[in-house]
Amino acid sequence: MSGSNFALLAGPSSINFARSMARQIECEIVDFEFKEFPDGENYFRIISDVKGKNVLIVQSLYPPVDHHLVQLLFLSKKVTELGGFVYAICPYLGYSRQHREYLSGEVVSLKTVGHLMASVGVRRLLTIDIHNVEGLGLFPFPAFSVSAIPIMAEWVQKNEDLSDAIIVSPDFGSSTRVETFSKLVNRQYHVFEKERDKVTGEVKIKPIQLELEGKKAYIVDDMISSGGTVIKATKTLKEFGVKKVIAVCVHPVLAAGAVEKMFEAGVNKIIASNTIENKYGIVDVSNAVVGYLKLLG
């Protein structure tokens, strides 16, 4: 993608991701001032001329989700007022798990997020490995999700010893993702059946009879939040004789002490992408976004 009609704005939550994108595409970089007041309020001032530009606002919506969402809304509103056209690039899309009403009376959070974005002028949304693709239909403007799994698989194949490895899906929801990953690294894969109580959120995994003694297992999922699913899968794998467990995910949310709990349960390593900027997000997947943008011209 190149051309004078595109501009890139690096939101506060995705500075490094946006910089990686900027190294791959030729477009103007939007200059702006930003600061947070002691009470947590945000101040922005757009300095660049964005009139008539398609402005790619790169802003991941990881915790604190509401804070990062408000920052995106503020920036989108002002860019729109200045005559720009907003393309929201959200490498991690917060609230994407609540894409429908599971129990009567529940708020469909993602639908509300979509309408908030539309209200400040967002014209298009691009995210990476949304939790459920059904959620894309809730947005009142074109919304797309690209997959980082091929990039993750390539990194693992180059940097890990897979000679005695198996690829594991912690539930059926991730089975398609894991099947793709396993084919790319040319390793066998297995799927665990997961049951989640809709009221309490408790997760139970039904083990499948596998020959795992002495193997190295790579648990692959789209995100790790509390780590509960990974922990249960790890304990089951260890019971079956797995010698090493590596958790691989696109989105390392890692909330509520998840890392410590996973290591205590027997996870040996966490490999994640940079959709969320923390120490475990070591795999740069910005090319997944750039590749899509190049198709747009």
Protein backbone atom coordinates (compact mmCIF):
# COMPACT_ATOMS: atom_id res chain seq x y z
CA MET A 1 0.00 0.00 0.00
CA SER A 2 1.29 3.42 -0.86
CA GLY A 3 -0.08 6.74 -1.89
CA SER A 4 -0.67 10.24 -0.61
CA ASN A 5 -4.28 9.53 0.39
CA PHE A 6 -3.32 7.25 3.31
CA ALA A 7 -1.94 8.26 6.69
CA LEU A 8 -0.96 6.23 9.77
CA LEU A 9 -1.76 7.29 13.32
CA ALA A 10 -0.13 5.27 16.12
CA GLY A 11 -2.56 5.13 19.04
CA PRO A 12 -1.13 5.09 22.60
CA SER A 13 -1.79 1.35 23.06
CA SER A 14 -0.08 0.23 19.85
CA ILE A 15 2.98 2.40 19.32
CA ASN A 16 5.35 -0.46 18.49
CA PHE A 17 2.82 -2.32 16.33
CA ALA A 18 2.18 0.86 14.33
CA ARG A 19 5.92 1.49 13.96
CA SER A 20 6.31 -1.99 12.53
CA MET A 21 3.53 -1.26 10.05
CA ALA A 22 5.20 2.02 9.10
CA ARG A 23 8.39 0.16 8.17
CA GLN A 24 6.41 -1.90 5.67
CA ILE A 25 4.19 0.68 3.98
CA GLU A 26 4.72 4.06 2.40
CA CYS A 27 2.35 6.59 3.87
CA GLU A 28 2.26 9.77 5.91
CA ILE A 29 2.62 9.52 9.69
CA VAL A 30 0.07 11.61 11.59
CA ASP A 31 1.68 13.88 14.18
CA PHE A 32 -0.30 14.52 17.35
CA GLU A 33 0.11 15.55 20.97
CA PHE A 34 -1.02 13.25 23.75
CA LYS A 35 -0.92 13.30 27.52
CA GLU A 36 -2.81 11.82 30.43
CA PHE A 37 -3.86 14.02 33.31
CA PRO A 38 -3.28 12.83 36.90
CA ASP A 39 -6.93 11.78 37.14
CA GLY A 40 -6.59 9.53 34.07
CA GLU A 41 -8.30 11.78 31.53
CA ASN A 42 -6.82 11.95 28.04
CA TYR A 43 -5.71 14.99 26.04
CA PHE A 44 -5.16 14.82 22.28
CA ARG A 45 -4.32 17.40 19.66
CA ILE A 46 -4.01 16.41 15.99
CA ILE A 47 -1.20 18.43 14.40
CA SER A 48 -1.00 16.99 10.88
CA ASP A 49 -3.38 17.93 8.08
CA VAL A 50 -5.62 14.89 7.60
CA LYS A 51 -8.28 16.42 5.36
CA GLY A 52 -9.21 13.98 2.60
CA LYS A 53 -6.92 11.29 3.98
CA ASN A 54 -7.79 7.70 4.83
CA VAL A 55 -6.35 7.66 8.35
CA LEU A 56 -5.34 4.28 9.76
CA ILE A 57 -5.73 4.64 13.52
CA VAL A 58 -3.83 1.73 15.08
CA GLN A 59 -5.17 1.13 18.58
CA SER A 60 -5.39 -2.26 20.29
CA LEU A 61 -8.23 -2.61 22.81
CA TYR A 62 -6.54 -4.62 25.56
CA PRO A 63 -6.78 -3.89 29.32
CA PRO A 64 -7.59 -1.34 30.47
CA VAL A 65 -10.08 -1.91 27.65
CA ASP A 66 -12.40 1.01 28.36
CA HIS A 67 -9.46 3.42 28.58
CA HIS A 68 -8.05 2.33 25.23
CA LEU A 69 -11.50 2.34 23.64
CA VAL A 70 -12.12 5.94 24.75
CA GLN A 71 -8.75 6.95 23.30
CA LEU A 72 -9.76 5.43 19.96
CA LEU A 73 -13.11 7.22 20.06
CA PHE A 74 -11.49 10.57 20.85
CA LEU A 75 -8.98 10.25 18.02
CA SER A 76 -11.58 9.02 15.53
CA LYS A 77 -13.95 11.88 16.33
CA LYS A 78 -11.31 14.55 15.83
CA VAL A 79 -9.89 13.04 12.66
CA THR A 80 -13.43 12.94 11.27
CA GLU A 81 -14.07 16.57 12.26
CA LEU A 82 -10.84 17.56 10.47
CA GLY A 83 -12.05 15.93 7.25
CA GLY A 84 -10.29 12.58 7.47
CA PHE A 85 -11.78 9.14 6.89
CA VAL A 86 -11.08 6.74 9.76
CA TYR A 87 -9.98 3.14 9.32
CA ALA A 88 -9.75 1.62 12.81
CA ILE A 89 -6.97 -0.96 13.06
CA CYS A 90 -7.52 -2.86 16.33
CA PRO A 91 -4.98 -5.72 16.48
CA TYR A 92 -6.78 -7.00 19.58
CA LEU A 93 -10.50 -6.18 19.72
CA GLY A 94 -11.73 -5.94 23.28
CA TYR A 95 -15.30 -7.06 24.09
CA SER A 96 -15.27 -9.49 21.15
CA ARG A 97 -16.21 -12.45 23.38
CA GLN A 98 -19.66 -10.97 24.07
CA HIS A 99 -20.95 -11.09 20.48
CA ARG A 100 -24.41 -12.43 21.28
CA GLU A 101 -26.94 -12.74 24.11
CA TYR A 102 -26.12 -16.07 25.77
CA LEU A 103 -28.51 -15.44 28.67
CA SER A 104 -31.66 -13.31 28.59
CA GLY A 105 -30.95 -9.70 29.43
CA GLU A 106 -27.22 -9.73 28.68
CA VAL A 107 -25.67 -6.72 27.00
CA VAL A 108 -24.17 -7.57 23.62
CA SER A 109 -21.02 -5.58 24.32
CA LEU A 110 -19.44 -5.86 20.88
CA LYS A 111 -22.55 -4.46 19.22
CA THR A 112 -22.39 -1.39 21.46
CA VAL A 113 -18.68 -0.96 20.68
CA GLY A 114 -19.50 -1.04 16.98
CA HIS A 115 -22.15 1.65 17.30
CA LEU A 116 -19.83 3.83 19.38
CA MET A 117 -17.20 3.60 16.67
CA ALA A 118 -19.74 4.47 13.98
CA SER A 119 -20.91 7.48 16.00
CA VAL A 120 -17.43 9.05 15.84
CA GLY A 121 -16.95 8.42 12.14
CA VAL A 122 -15.15 5.09 11.84
CA ARG A 123 -15.66 3.90 8.25
CA ARG A 124 -13.97 0.48 8.42
CA LEU A 125 -12.56 -1.88 11.05
CA LEU A 126 -9.72 -4.35 10.73
CA THR A 127 -8.73 -6.71 13.53
CA ILE A 128 -6.68 -9.88 13.97
CA ASP A 129 -8.16 -13.27 14.85
CA ILE A 130 -11.43 -12.05 16.32
CA HIS A 131 -12.73 -14.47 18.94
CA ASN A 132 -15.79 -15.32 16.86
CA VAL A 133 -16.26 -14.17 13.26
CA GLU A 134 -19.99 -13.81 13.88
CA GLY A 135 -19.15 -10.63 15.76
CA LEU A 136 -18.07 -8.89 12.56
CA GLY A 137 -21.71 -8.72 11.50
CA LEU A 138 -22.57 -6.50 14.47
CA PHE A 139 -20.72 -3.49 13.09
CA PRO A 140 -22.72 -0.94 11.06
CA PHE A 141 -19.78 -0.55 8.65
CA PRO A 142 -17.43 -3.03 6.92
CA ALA A 143 -15.46 -5.03 9.51
CA PHE A 144 -12.83 -7.65 8.77
CA SER A 145 -10.57 -10.05 10.67
CA VAL A 146 -7.29 -11.40 9.34
CA SER A 147 -5.43 -14.37 10.76
CA ALA A 148 -1.99 -14.26 12.36
CA ILE A 149 -1.84 -18.06 12.72
CA PRO A 150 0.36 -18.55 9.60
CA ILE A 151 2.87 -16.03 10.96
CA MET A 152 2.79 -17.63 14.41
CA ALA A 153 3.32 -21.08 12.89
CA GLU A 154 6.23 -19.86 10.80
CA TRP A 155 7.91 -18.32 13.86
CA VAL A 156 7.46 -21.48 15.95
CA GLN A 157 8.80 -23.68 13.17
CA LYS A 158 11.92 -21.52 12.84
CA ASN A 159 12.60 -21.02 16.55
CA GLU A 160 11.40 -24.20 18.28
CA ASP A 161 12.47 -27.86 18.15
CA LEU A 162 9.35 -29.65 16.94
CA SER A 163 10.86 -33.12 16.54
CA ASP A 164 8.76 -34.64 19.35
CA ALA A 165 5.93 -32.10 19.36
CA ILE A 166 2.18 -32.34 19.10
CA ILE A 167 -0.19 -29.42 18.57
CA VAL A 168 -3.15 -29.23 20.95
CA SER A 169 -6.45 -27.39 20.76
CA PRO A 170 -7.88 -26.71 24.25
CA ASP A 171 -11.43 -26.86 22.87
CA PHE A 172 -13.45 -27.42 19.71
CA GLY A 173 -13.74 -23.65 19.20
CA SER A 174 -10.03 -23.51 18.39
CA SER A 175 -9.90 -26.73 16.38
CA THR A 176 -9.91 -25.08 12.93
CA ARG A 177 -7.19 -22.66 14.01
CA VAL A 178 -5.11 -25.50 15.44
CA GLU A 179 -5.61 -27.69 12.38
CA THR A 180 -4.22 -24.89 10.22
CA PHE A 181 -1.29 -24.36 12.60
CA SER A 182 -0.46 -28.07 12.70
CA LYS A 183 -0.46 -28.39 8.90
CA LEU A 184 1.89 -25.43 8.58
CA VAL A 185 4.39 -26.93 11.05
CA ASN A 186 3.78 -30.47 9.77
CA ARG A 187 2.91 -31.96 13.15
CA GLN A 188 0.01 -34.06 14.45
CA TYR A 189 -2.74 -32.27 16.36
CA HIS A 190 -5.31 -33.23 18.99
CA VAL A 191 -8.45 -31.53 20.26
CA PHE A 192 -9.77 -31.42 23.82
CA GLU A 193 -13.47 -31.07 24.48
CA LYS A 194 -14.26 -28.16 26.80
CA GLU A 195 -17.43 -27.43 28.76
CA ARG A 196 -18.01 -23.98 30.29
CA ASP A 197 -20.79 -23.27 32.79
CA LYS A 198 -22.65 -20.23 31.37
CA VAL A 199 -23.44 -18.91 34.85
CA THR A 200 -20.27 -19.58 36.86
CA GLY A 201 -17.81 -19.58 33.95
CA GLU A 202 -16.17 -22.78 35.29
CA VAL A 203 -14.32 -24.73 32.60
CA LYS A 204 -14.01 -28.51 32.47
CA ILE A 205 -11.97 -30.46 29.91
CA LYS A 206 -12.77 -34.01 28.89
CA PRO A 207 -9.49 -35.79 28.06
CA ILE A 208 -9.18 -37.87 24.92
CA GLN A 209 -7.18 -41.09 25.01
CA LEU A 210 -3.84 -40.16 23.44
CA GLU A 211 -0.31 -41.54 23.36
CA LEU A 212 1.54 -38.55 24.78
CA GLU A 213 4.29 -40.02 26.94
CA GLY A 214 7.48 -37.97 26.57
CA LYS A 215 5.98 -35.54 24.05
CA LYS A 216 6.21 -31.76 23.92
CA ALA A 217 2.79 -30.12 23.59
CA TYR A 218 2.02 -26.75 22.03
CA ILE A 219 -1.39 -25.51 23.19
CA VAL A 220 -2.61 -23.09 20.50
CA ASP A 221 -5.47 -20.63 21.02
CA ASP A 222 -6.57 -17.21 19.82
CA MET A 223 -6.19 -15.60 23.25
CA ILE A 224 -5.15 -16.32 26.81
CA SER A 225 -7.03 -14.19 29.32
CA SER A 226 -7.31 -15.73 32.80
CA GLY A 227 -5.42 -18.82 31.66
CA GLY A 228 -8.08 -21.18 33.02
CA THR A 229 -8.47 -23.23 29.85
CA VAL A 230 -4.72 -23.55 29.35
CA ILE A 231 -4.23 -24.58 32.98
CA LYS A 232 -6.82 -27.37 32.77
CA ALA A 233 -5.39 -28.60 29.46
CA THR A 234 -1.85 -28.51 30.88
CA LYS A 235 -2.77 -30.55 33.93
CA THR A 236 -4.44 -33.15 31.71
CA LEU A 237 -1.47 -33.29 29.36
CA LYS A 238 0.94 -33.73 32.28
CA GLU A 239 -1.19 -36.62 33.58
CA PHE A 240 -0.75 -38.26 30.17
CA GLY A 241 3.03 -37.99 30.40
CA VAL A 242 3.74 -34.84 28.39
CA LYS A 243 7.21 -33.62 29.37
CA LYS A 244 6.88 -29.96 28.30
CA VAL A 245 3.97 -27.59 27.61
CA ILE A 246 4.24 -24.40 25.56
CA ALA A 247 1.24 -22.06 25.38
CA VAL A 248 0.92 -20.29 22.01
CA CYS A 249 -1.62 -17.54 21.43
CA VAL A 250 -2.22 -14.54 19.23
CA HIS A 251 -3.55 -12.29 21.99
CA PRO A 252 -1.70 -12.43 25.35
CA VAL A 253 -4.29 -10.68 27.55
CA LEU A 254 -2.86 -12.49 30.60
CA ALA A 255 -5.15 -10.93 33.21
CA ALA A 256 -5.58 -11.65 36.93
CA GLY A 257 -2.27 -13.38 37.59
CA ALA A 258 -2.67 -15.71 34.63
CA VAL A 259 1.07 -16.07 33.98
CA GLU A 260 1.92 -17.16 37.53
CA LYS A 261 -1.00 -19.58 37.62
CA MET A 262 -0.04 -21.15 34.30
CA PHE A 263 3.59 -21.62 35.30
CA GLU A 264 2.50 -23.16 38.60
CA ALA A 265 0.30 -25.58 36.63
CA GLY A 266 3.26 -26.74 34.55
CA VAL A 267 3.36 -24.44 31.53
CA ASN A 268 7.01 -24.05 30.54
CA LYS A 269 6.82 -21.17 28.08
CA ILE A 270 4.41 -18.63 26.60
CA ILE A 271 4.73 -17.55 22.96
CA ALA A 272 2.44 -14.77 21.78
CA SER A 273 2.10 -12.06 19.16
CA ASN A 274 2.48 -8.30 19.53
CA THR A 275 -1.23 -7.48 19.16
CA ILE A 276 -0.90 -6.75 22.88
CA GLU A 277 2.32 -5.07 23.90
CA ASN A 278 3.84 -7.01 26.80
CA LYS A 279 6.95 -9.16 27.38
CA TYR A 280 5.33 -12.28 25.90
CA GLY A 281 4.24 -10.61 22.66
CA ILE A 282 7.42 -11.47 20.79
CA VAL A 283 6.05 -12.46 17.37
CA ASP A 284 5.48 -9.49 15.08
CA VAL A 285 2.23 -10.10 13.19
CA SER A 286 1.79 -6.61 11.75
CA ASN A 287 2.36 -8.09 8.29
CA ALA A 288 -1.07 -9.75 8.56
CA VAL A 289 -2.62 -6.27 8.63
CA VAL A 290 -0.26 -4.79 6.07
CA GLY A 291 -0.98 -7.62 3.63
CA TYR A 292 -4.69 -6.91 3.81
CA LEU A 293 -4.22 -3.15 3.43
CA LYS A 294 -2.13 -3.67 0.30
CA LEU A 295 -5.11 -5.45 -1.25
CA LEU A 296 -7.11 -2.29 -0.68
CA GLY A 297 -4.54 -0.33 -2.69
